Amino acid sequence: KVVHIPAGYANAIESLESNSKLISFSTLPLTKV
C-alpha cells in the first residue's frame, strides 16, 4: 500500500525492524524544496 500525505502536514518515519527500507515519492521539484 501507499500512504499519501498531502501538503500541509509534518511527518515522522519510524522503522520497526533492522534494514527496513521505505521509498518516498515527492511532488515538489527539487528547485522549490
All heavy atoms as atom14 arrays in JSON, in Angstrom:
{
  "sequence": "KVVHIPAGYANAIESLESNSKLISFSTLPLTKV",
  "atom14_mask": [
    [1, 1, 1, 1, 1, 1, 1, 1, 1, 0, 0, 0, 0, 0],
    [1, 1, 1, 1, 1, 1, 1, 0, 0, 0, 0, 0, 0, 0],
    [1, 1, 1, 1, 1, 1, 1, 0, 0, 0, 0, 0, 0, 0],
    [1, 1, 1, 1, 1, 1, 1, 1, 1, 1, 0, 0, 0, 0],
    [1, 1, 1, 1, 1, 1, 1, 1, 0, 0, 0, 0, 0, 0],
    [1, 1, 1, 1, 1, 1, 1, 0, 0, 0, 0, 0, 0, 0],
    [1, 1, 1, 1, 1, 0, 0, 0, 0, 0, 0, 0, 0, 0],
    [1, 1, 1, 1, 0, 0, 0, 0, 0, 0, 0, 0, 0, 0],
    [1, 1, 1, 1, 1, 1, 1, 1, 1, 1, 1, 1, 0, 0],
    [1, 1, 1, 1, 1, 0, 0, 0, 0, 0, 0, 0, 0, 0],
    [1, 1, 1, 1, 1, 1, 1, 1, 0, 0, 0, 0, 0, 0],
    [1, 1, 1, 1, 1, 0, 0, 0, 0, 0, 0, 0, 0, 0],
    [1, 1, 1, 1, 1, 1, 1, 1, 0, 0, 0, 0, 0, 0],
    [1, 1, 1, 1, 1, 1, 1, 1, 1, 0, 0, 0, 0, 0],
    [1, 1, 1, 1, 1, 1, 0, 0, 0, 0, 0, 0, 0, 0],
    [1, 1, 1, 1, 1, 1, 1, 1, 0, 0, 0, 0, 0, 0],
    [1, 1, 1, 1, 1, 1, 1, 1, 1, 0, 0, 0, 0, 0],
    [1, 1, 1, 1, 1, 1, 0, 0, 0, 0, 0, 0, 0, 0],
    [1, 1, 1, 1, 1, 1, 1, 1, 0, 0, 0, 0, 0, 0],
    [1, 1, 1, 1, 1, 1, 0, 0, 0, 0, 0, 0, 0, 0],
    [1, 1, 1, 1, 1, 1, 1, 1, 1, 0, 0, 0, 0, 0],
    [1, 1, 1, 1, 1, 1, 1, 1, 0, 0, 0, 0, 0, 0],
    [1, 1, 1, 1, 1, 1, 1, 1, 0, 0, 0, 0, 0, 0],
    [1, 1, 1, 1, 1, 1, 0, 0, 0, 0, 0, 0, 0, 0],
    [1, 1, 1, 1, 1, 1, 1, 1, 1, 1, 1, 0, 0, 0],
    [1, 1, 1, 1, 1, 1, 0, 0, 0, 0, 0, 0, 0, 0],
    [1, 1, 1, 1, 1, 1, 1, 0, 0, 0, 0, 0, 0, 0],
    [1, 1, 1, 1, 1, 1, 1, 1, 0, 0, 0, 0, 0, 0],
    [1, 1, 1, 1, 1, 1, 1, 0, 0, 0, 0, 0, 0, 0],
    [1, 1, 1, 1, 1, 1, 1, 1, 0, 0, 0, 0, 0, 0],
    [1, 1, 1, 1, 1, 1, 1, 0, 0, 0, 0, 0, 0, 0],
    [1, 1, 1, 1, 1, 1, 1, 1, 1, 0, 0, 0, 0, 0],
    [1, 1, 1, 1, 1, 1, 1, 0, 0, 0, 0, 0, 0, 0]
  ],
  "atom14_positions": [
    [[0.84, -1.2, 0.0], [0.0, 0.0, 0.0], [0.87, 1.24, 0.0], [2.03, 1.21, 0.42], [-0.94, 0.02, 1.2], [-0.25, 0.09, 2.56], [-1.27, -0.03, 3.67], [-0.63, -0.24, 5.01], [-1.6, -0.63, 6.03], [0.0, 0.0, 0.0], [0.0, 0.0, 0.0], [0.0, 0.0, 0.0], [0.0, 0.0, 0.0], [0.0, 0.0, 0.0]],
    [[0.3, 2.32, -0.5], [0.94, 3.63, -0.49], [0.2, 4.51, 0.51], [-1.03, 4.55, 0.52], [0.9, 4.28, -1.89], [1.37, 5.73, -1.84], [1.75, 3.48, -2.88], [0.0, 0.0, 0.0], [0.0, 0.0, 0.0], [0.0, 0.0, 0.0], [0.0, 0.0, 0.0], [0.0, 0.0, 0.0], [0.0, 0.0, 0.0], [0.0, 0.0, 0.0]],
    [[0.95, 5.2, 1.37], [0.38, 6.17, 2.28], [0.61, 7.54, 1.66], [1.75, 7.95, 1.46], [1.02, 6.1, 3.68], [0.44, 7.17, 4.59], [0.83, 4.72, 4.29], [0.0, 0.0, 0.0], [0.0, 0.0, 0.0], [0.0, 0.0, 0.0], [0.0, 0.0, 0.0], [0.0, 0.0, 0.0], [0.0, 0.0, 0.0], [0.0, 0.0, 0.0]],
    [[-0.5, 8.23, 1.33], [-0.43, 9.57, 0.73], [-0.67, 10.61, 1.81], [-1.69, 10.58, 2.49], [-1.49, 9.72, -0.37], [-1.61, 11.12, -0.86], [-0.72, 11.66, -1.76], [-2.49, 12.1, -0.56], [-1.06, 12.92, -1.99], [-2.13, 13.21, -1.27], [0.0, 0.0, 0.0], [0.0, 0.0, 0.0], [0.0, 0.0, 0.0], [0.0, 0.0, 0.0]],
    [[0.31, 11.51, 1.97], [0.18, 12.62, 2.92], [0.25, 13.91, 2.12], [1.28, 14.23, 1.53], [1.29, 12.57, 4.0], [1.24, 11.24, 4.74], [1.12, 13.74, 4.97], [2.36, 11.02, 5.72], [0.0, 0.0, 0.0], [0.0, 0.0, 0.0], [0.0, 0.0, 0.0], [0.0, 0.0, 0.0], [0.0, 0.0, 0.0], [0.0, 0.0, 0.0]],
    [[-0.86, 14.66, 2.07], [-0.87, 15.87, 1.26], [-0.03, 16.98, 1.87], [0.42, 16.89, 3.02], [-2.35, 16.26, 1.22], [-2.93, 15.64, 2.45], [-2.13, 14.41, 2.73], [0.0, 0.0, 0.0], [0.0, 0.0, 0.0], [0.0, 0.0, 0.0], [0.0, 0.0, 0.0], [0.0, 0.0, 0.0], [0.0, 0.0, 0.0], [0.0, 0.0, 0.0]],
    [[0.17, 18.04, 1.1], [0.85, 19.23, 1.62], [0.09, 19.74, 2.85], [-1.11, 19.54, 2.98], [0.89, 20.31, 0.54], [0.0, 0.0, 0.0], [0.0, 0.0, 0.0], [0.0, 0.0, 0.0], [0.0, 0.0, 0.0], [0.0, 0.0, 0.0], [0.0, 0.0, 0.0], [0.0, 0.0, 0.0], [0.0, 0.0, 0.0], [0.0, 0.0, 0.0]],
    [[0.83, 20.38, 3.76], [0.22, 20.91, 4.97], [0.43, 20.06, 6.21], [-0.09, 20.37, 7.28], [0.0, 0.0, 0.0], [0.0, 0.0, 0.0], [0.0, 0.0, 0.0], [0.0, 0.0, 0.0], [0.0, 0.0, 0.0], [0.0, 0.0, 0.0], [0.0, 0.0, 0.0], [0.0, 0.0, 0.0], [0.0, 0.0, 0.0], [0.0, 0.0, 0.0]],
    [[1.2, 19.0, 6.07], [1.44, 18.07, 7.18], [2.93, 17.99, 7.51], [3.77, 18.26, 6.66], [0.95, 16.67, 6.8], [-0.54, 16.5, 6.86], [-1.35, 17.02, 5.85], [-1.15, 15.85, 7.93], [-2.73, 16.88, 5.91], [-2.53, 15.71, 7.99], [-3.3, 16.22, 6.98], [-4.67, 16.08, 7.04], [0.0, 0.0, 0.0], [0.0, 0.0, 0.0]],
    [[3.2, 17.56, 8.74], [4.56, 17.18, 9.15], [4.53, 15.67, 9.36], [3.53, 15.12, 9.82], [4.97, 17.9, 10.42], [0.0, 0.0, 0.0], [0.0, 0.0, 0.0], [0.0, 0.0, 0.0], [0.0, 0.0, 0.0], [0.0, 0.0, 0.0], [0.0, 0.0, 0.0], [0.0, 0.0, 0.0], [0.0, 0.0, 0.0], [0.0, 0.0, 0.0]],
    [[5.63, 15.0, 9.04], [5.65, 13.56, 9.19], [6.89, 13.09, 9.94], [7.88, 13.8, 10.04], [5.54, 12.85, 7.83], [6.71, 13.11, 6.94], [7.83, 12.69, 7.22], [6.5, 13.82, 5.84], [0.0, 0.0, 0.0], [0.0, 0.0, 0.0], [0.0, 0.0, 0.0], [0.0, 0.0, 0.0], [0.0, 0.0, 0.0], [0.0, 0.0, 0.0]],
    [[6.76, 11.89, 10.47], [7.86, 11.2, 11.16], [7.83, 9.75, 10.69], [6.77, 9.14, 10.57], [7.67, 11.26, 12.68], [0.0, 0.0, 0.0], [0.0, 0.0, 0.0], [0.0, 0.0, 0.0], [0.0, 0.0, 0.0], [0.0, 0.0, 0.0], [0.0, 0.0, 0.0], [0.0, 0.0, 0.0], [0.0, 0.0, 0.0], [0.0, 0.0, 0.0]],
    [[9.0, 9.23, 10.4], [9.14, 7.88, 9.88], [9.83, 7.03, 10.94], [10.96, 7.31, 11.33], [10.01, 7.88, 8.59], [9.5, 8.9, 7.58], [10.1, 6.49, 8.01], [8.08, 8.75, 7.18], [0.0, 0.0, 0.0], [0.0, 0.0, 0.0], [0.0, 0.0, 0.0], [0.0, 0.0, 0.0], [0.0, 0.0, 0.0], [0.0, 0.0, 0.0]],
    [[9.16, 5.98, 11.41], [9.71, 5.11, 12.46], [9.9, 3.7, 11.91], [8.92, 3.02, 11.59], [8.75, 5.09, 13.65], [9.21, 4.21, 14.78], [8.24, 4.2, 15.95], [7.14, 4.77, 15.86], [8.59, 3.57, 16.97], [0.0, 0.0, 0.0], [0.0, 0.0, 0.0], [0.0, 0.0, 0.0], [0.0, 0.0, 0.0], [0.0, 0.0, 0.0]],
    [[11.15, 3.28, 11.8], [11.39, 1.9, 11.36], [11.19, 0.96, 12.54], [11.55, 1.26, 13.67], [12.79, 1.75, 10.76], [13.77, 2.21, 11.64], [0.0, 0.0, 0.0], [0.0, 0.0, 0.0], [0.0, 0.0, 0.0], [0.0, 0.0, 0.0], [0.0, 0.0, 0.0], [0.0, 0.0, 0.0], [0.0, 0.0, 0.0], [0.0, 0.0, 0.0]],
    [[10.6, -0.19, 12.26], [10.28, -1.16, 13.3], [11.19, -2.37, 13.28], [11.15, -3.18, 14.21], [8.82, -1.6, 13.15], [7.78, -0.47, 13.21], [6.38, -1.03, 12.97], [7.86, 0.26, 14.53], [0.0, 0.0, 0.0], [0.0, 0.0, 0.0], [0.0, 0.0, 0.0], [0.0, 0.0, 0.0], [0.0, 0.0, 0.0], [0.0, 0.0, 0.0]],
    [[12.0, -2.51, 12.22], [12.92, -3.63, 12.08], [14.23, -3.12, 11.5], [14.25, -2.13, 10.77], [12.35, -4.67, 11.11], [11.0, -5.23, 11.47], [10.44, -6.1, 10.35], [11.2, -6.92, 9.8], [9.26, -5.94, 10.01], [0.0, 0.0, 0.0], [0.0, 0.0, 0.0], [0.0, 0.0, 0.0], [0.0, 0.0, 0.0], [0.0, 0.0, 0.0]],
    [[15.3, -3.82, 11.79], [16.59, -3.5, 11.17], [16.5, -3.68, 9.66], [15.77, -4.54, 9.18], [17.69, -4.43, 11.7], [17.93, -4.17, 13.05], [0.0, 0.0, 0.0], [0.0, 0.0, 0.0], [0.0, 0.0, 0.0], [0.0, 0.0, 0.0], [0.0, 0.0, 0.0], [0.0, 0.0, 0.0], [0.0, 0.0, 0.0], [0.0, 0.0, 0.0]],
    [[17.24, -2.86, 8.95], [17.34, -2.93, 7.49], [16.03, -2.69, 6.75], [15.88, -3.11, 5.6], [17.95, -4.27, 7.05], [19.32, -4.49, 7.66], [20.15, -3.6, 7.62], [19.53, -5.65, 8.25], [0.0, 0.0, 0.0], [0.0, 0.0, 0.0], [0.0, 0.0, 0.0], [0.0, 0.0, 0.0], [0.0, 0.0, 0.0], [0.0, 0.0, 0.0]],
    [[15.08, -2.02, 7.39], [13.84, -1.66, 6.71], [14.12, -0.56, 5.7], [14.96, 0.31, 5.94], [12.79, -1.19, 7.72], [12.38, -2.25, 8.56], [0.0, 0.0, 0.0], [0.0, 0.0, 0.0], [0.0, 0.0, 0.0], [0.0, 0.0, 0.0], [0.0, 0.0, 0.0], [0.0, 0.0, 0.0], [0.0, 0.0, 0.0], [0.0, 0.0, 0.0]],
    [[13.41, -0.59, 4.58], [13.57, 0.42, 3.53], [12.2, 0.93, 3.09], [11.28, 0.14, 2.86], [14.32, -0.14, 2.33], [15.77, -0.46, 2.62], [16.53, -0.78, 1.34], [17.94, -1.23, 1.59], [18.75, -0.41, 2.43], [0.0, 0.0, 0.0], [0.0, 0.0, 0.0], [0.0, 0.0, 0.0], [0.0, 0.0, 0.0], [0.0, 0.0, 0.0]],
    [[12.13, 2.25, 2.96], [10.89, 2.92, 2.59], [11.19, 3.82, 1.4], [12.19, 4.54, 1.4], [10.42, 3.77, 3.78], [9.07, 4.44, 3.69], [7.95, 3.41, 3.87], [8.96, 5.51, 4.77], [0.0, 0.0, 0.0], [0.0, 0.0, 0.0], [0.0, 0.0, 0.0], [0.0, 0.0, 0.0], [0.0, 0.0, 0.0], [0.0, 0.0, 0.0]],
    [[10.33, 3.78, 0.39], [10.5, 4.7, -0.74], [9.51, 5.85, -0.56], [8.36, 5.64, -0.15], [10.33, 3.98, -2.1], [10.77, 4.89, -3.23], [8.92, 3.47, -2.3], [10.99, 4.17, -4.55], [0.0, 0.0, 0.0], [0.0, 0.0, 0.0], [0.0, 0.0, 0.0], [0.0, 0.0, 0.0], [0.0, 0.0, 0.0], [0.0, 0.0, 0.0]],
    [[10.01, 7.06, -0.79], [9.2, 8.27, -0.64], [9.13, 8.97, -2.0], [10.17, 9.35, -2.54], [9.83, 9.19, 0.4], [9.21, 10.46, 0.4], [0.0, 0.0, 0.0], [0.0, 0.0, 0.0], [0.0, 0.0, 0.0], [0.0, 0.0, 0.0], [0.0, 0.0, 0.0], [0.0, 0.0, 0.0], [0.0, 0.0, 0.0], [0.0, 0.0, 0.0]],
    [[7.92, 9.12, -2.53], [7.71, 9.84, -3.78], [7.25, 11.25, -3.44], [6.3, 11.42, -2.68], [6.64, 9.15, -4.62], [6.99, 7.74, -5.01], [6.43, 6.66, -4.36], [7.88, 7.5, -6.05], [6.74, 5.36, -4.72], [8.2, 6.19, -6.42], [7.63, 5.13, -5.75], [0.0, 0.0, 0.0], [0.0, 0.0, 0.0], [0.0, 0.0, 0.0]],
    [[7.91, 12.26, -4.0], [7.62, 13.66, -3.71], [7.05, 14.37, -4.93], [7.45, 14.09, -6.06], [8.89, 14.38, -3.26], [9.37, 13.82, -2.07], [0.0, 0.0, 0.0], [0.0, 0.0, 0.0], [0.0, 0.0, 0.0], [0.0, 0.0, 0.0], [0.0, 0.0, 0.0], [0.0, 0.0, 0.0], [0.0, 0.0, 0.0], [0.0, 0.0, 0.0]],
    [[6.18, 15.35, -4.69], [5.53, 16.07, -5.78], [6.17, 17.42, -6.08], [5.83, 18.05, -7.07], [4.04, 16.3, -5.47], [3.93, 17.07, -4.27], [3.31, 14.98, -5.31], [0.0, 0.0, 0.0], [0.0, 0.0, 0.0], [0.0, 0.0, 0.0], [0.0, 0.0, 0.0], [0.0, 0.0, 0.0], [0.0, 0.0, 0.0], [0.0, 0.0, 0.0]],
    [[7.08, 17.86, -5.25], [7.68, 19.18, -5.44], [9.03, 19.08, -6.13], [9.86, 18.26, -5.72], [7.85, 19.86, -4.07], [8.12, 21.35, -4.06], [6.93, 22.13, -4.59], [8.45, 21.81, -2.65], [0.0, 0.0, 0.0], [0.0, 0.0, 0.0], [0.0, 0.0, 0.0], [0.0, 0.0, 0.0], [0.0, 0.0, 0.0], [0.0, 0.0, 0.0]],
    [[9.28, 19.88, -7.16], [10.61, 19.85, -7.79], [11.7, 20.24, -6.8], [11.48, 21.04, -5.89], [10.51, 20.89, -8.91], [9.05, 21.09, -9.13], [8.38, 20.81, -7.82], [0.0, 0.0, 0.0], [0.0, 0.0, 0.0], [0.0, 0.0, 0.0], [0.0, 0.0, 0.0], [0.0, 0.0, 0.0], [0.0, 0.0, 0.0], [0.0, 0.0, 0.0]],
    [[12.87, 19.67, -6.97], [13.99, 19.92, -6.07], [14.32, 21.41, -5.96], [14.72, 21.89, -4.9], [15.21, 19.13, -6.54], [16.37, 18.99, -5.58], [15.93, 18.37, -4.26], [17.47, 18.15, -6.2], [0.0, 0.0, 0.0], [0.0, 0.0, 0.0], [0.0, 0.0, 0.0], [0.0, 0.0, 0.0], [0.0, 0.0, 0.0], [0.0, 0.0, 0.0]],
    [[14.12, 22.16, -7.02], [14.41, 23.6, -7.02], [13.52, 24.39, -6.07], [13.84, 25.52, -5.71], [14.27, 24.2, -8.43], [12.94, 23.92, -8.91], [15.29, 23.6, -9.38], [0.0, 0.0, 0.0], [0.0, 0.0, 0.0], [0.0, 0.0, 0.0], [0.0, 0.0, 0.0], [0.0, 0.0, 0.0], [0.0, 0.0, 0.0], [0.0, 0.0, 0.0]],
    [[12.39, 23.81, -5.63], [11.44, 24.5, -4.74], [11.53, 24.04, -3.29], [10.83, 24.55, -2.43], [10.01, 24.27, -5.24], [9.76, 24.69, -6.65], [9.37, 26.11, -6.71], [8.95, 26.45, -8.13], [8.71, 27.84, -8.3], [0.0, 0.0, 0.0], [0.0, 0.0, 0.0], [0.0, 0.0, 0.0], [0.0, 0.0, 0.0], [0.0, 0.0, 0.0]],
    [[12.38, 23.05, -3.01], [12.43, 22.45, -1.67], [12.78, 23.47, -0.59], [12.21, 23.44, 0.5], [13.4, 21.25, -1.65], [13.69, 20.79, -0.24], [12.82, 20.11, -2.46], [0.0, 0.0, 0.0], [0.0, 0.0, 0.0], [0.0, 0.0, 0.0], [0.0, 0.0, 0.0], [0.0, 0.0, 0.0], [0.0, 0.0, 0.0], [0.0, 0.0, 0.0]]
  ]
}
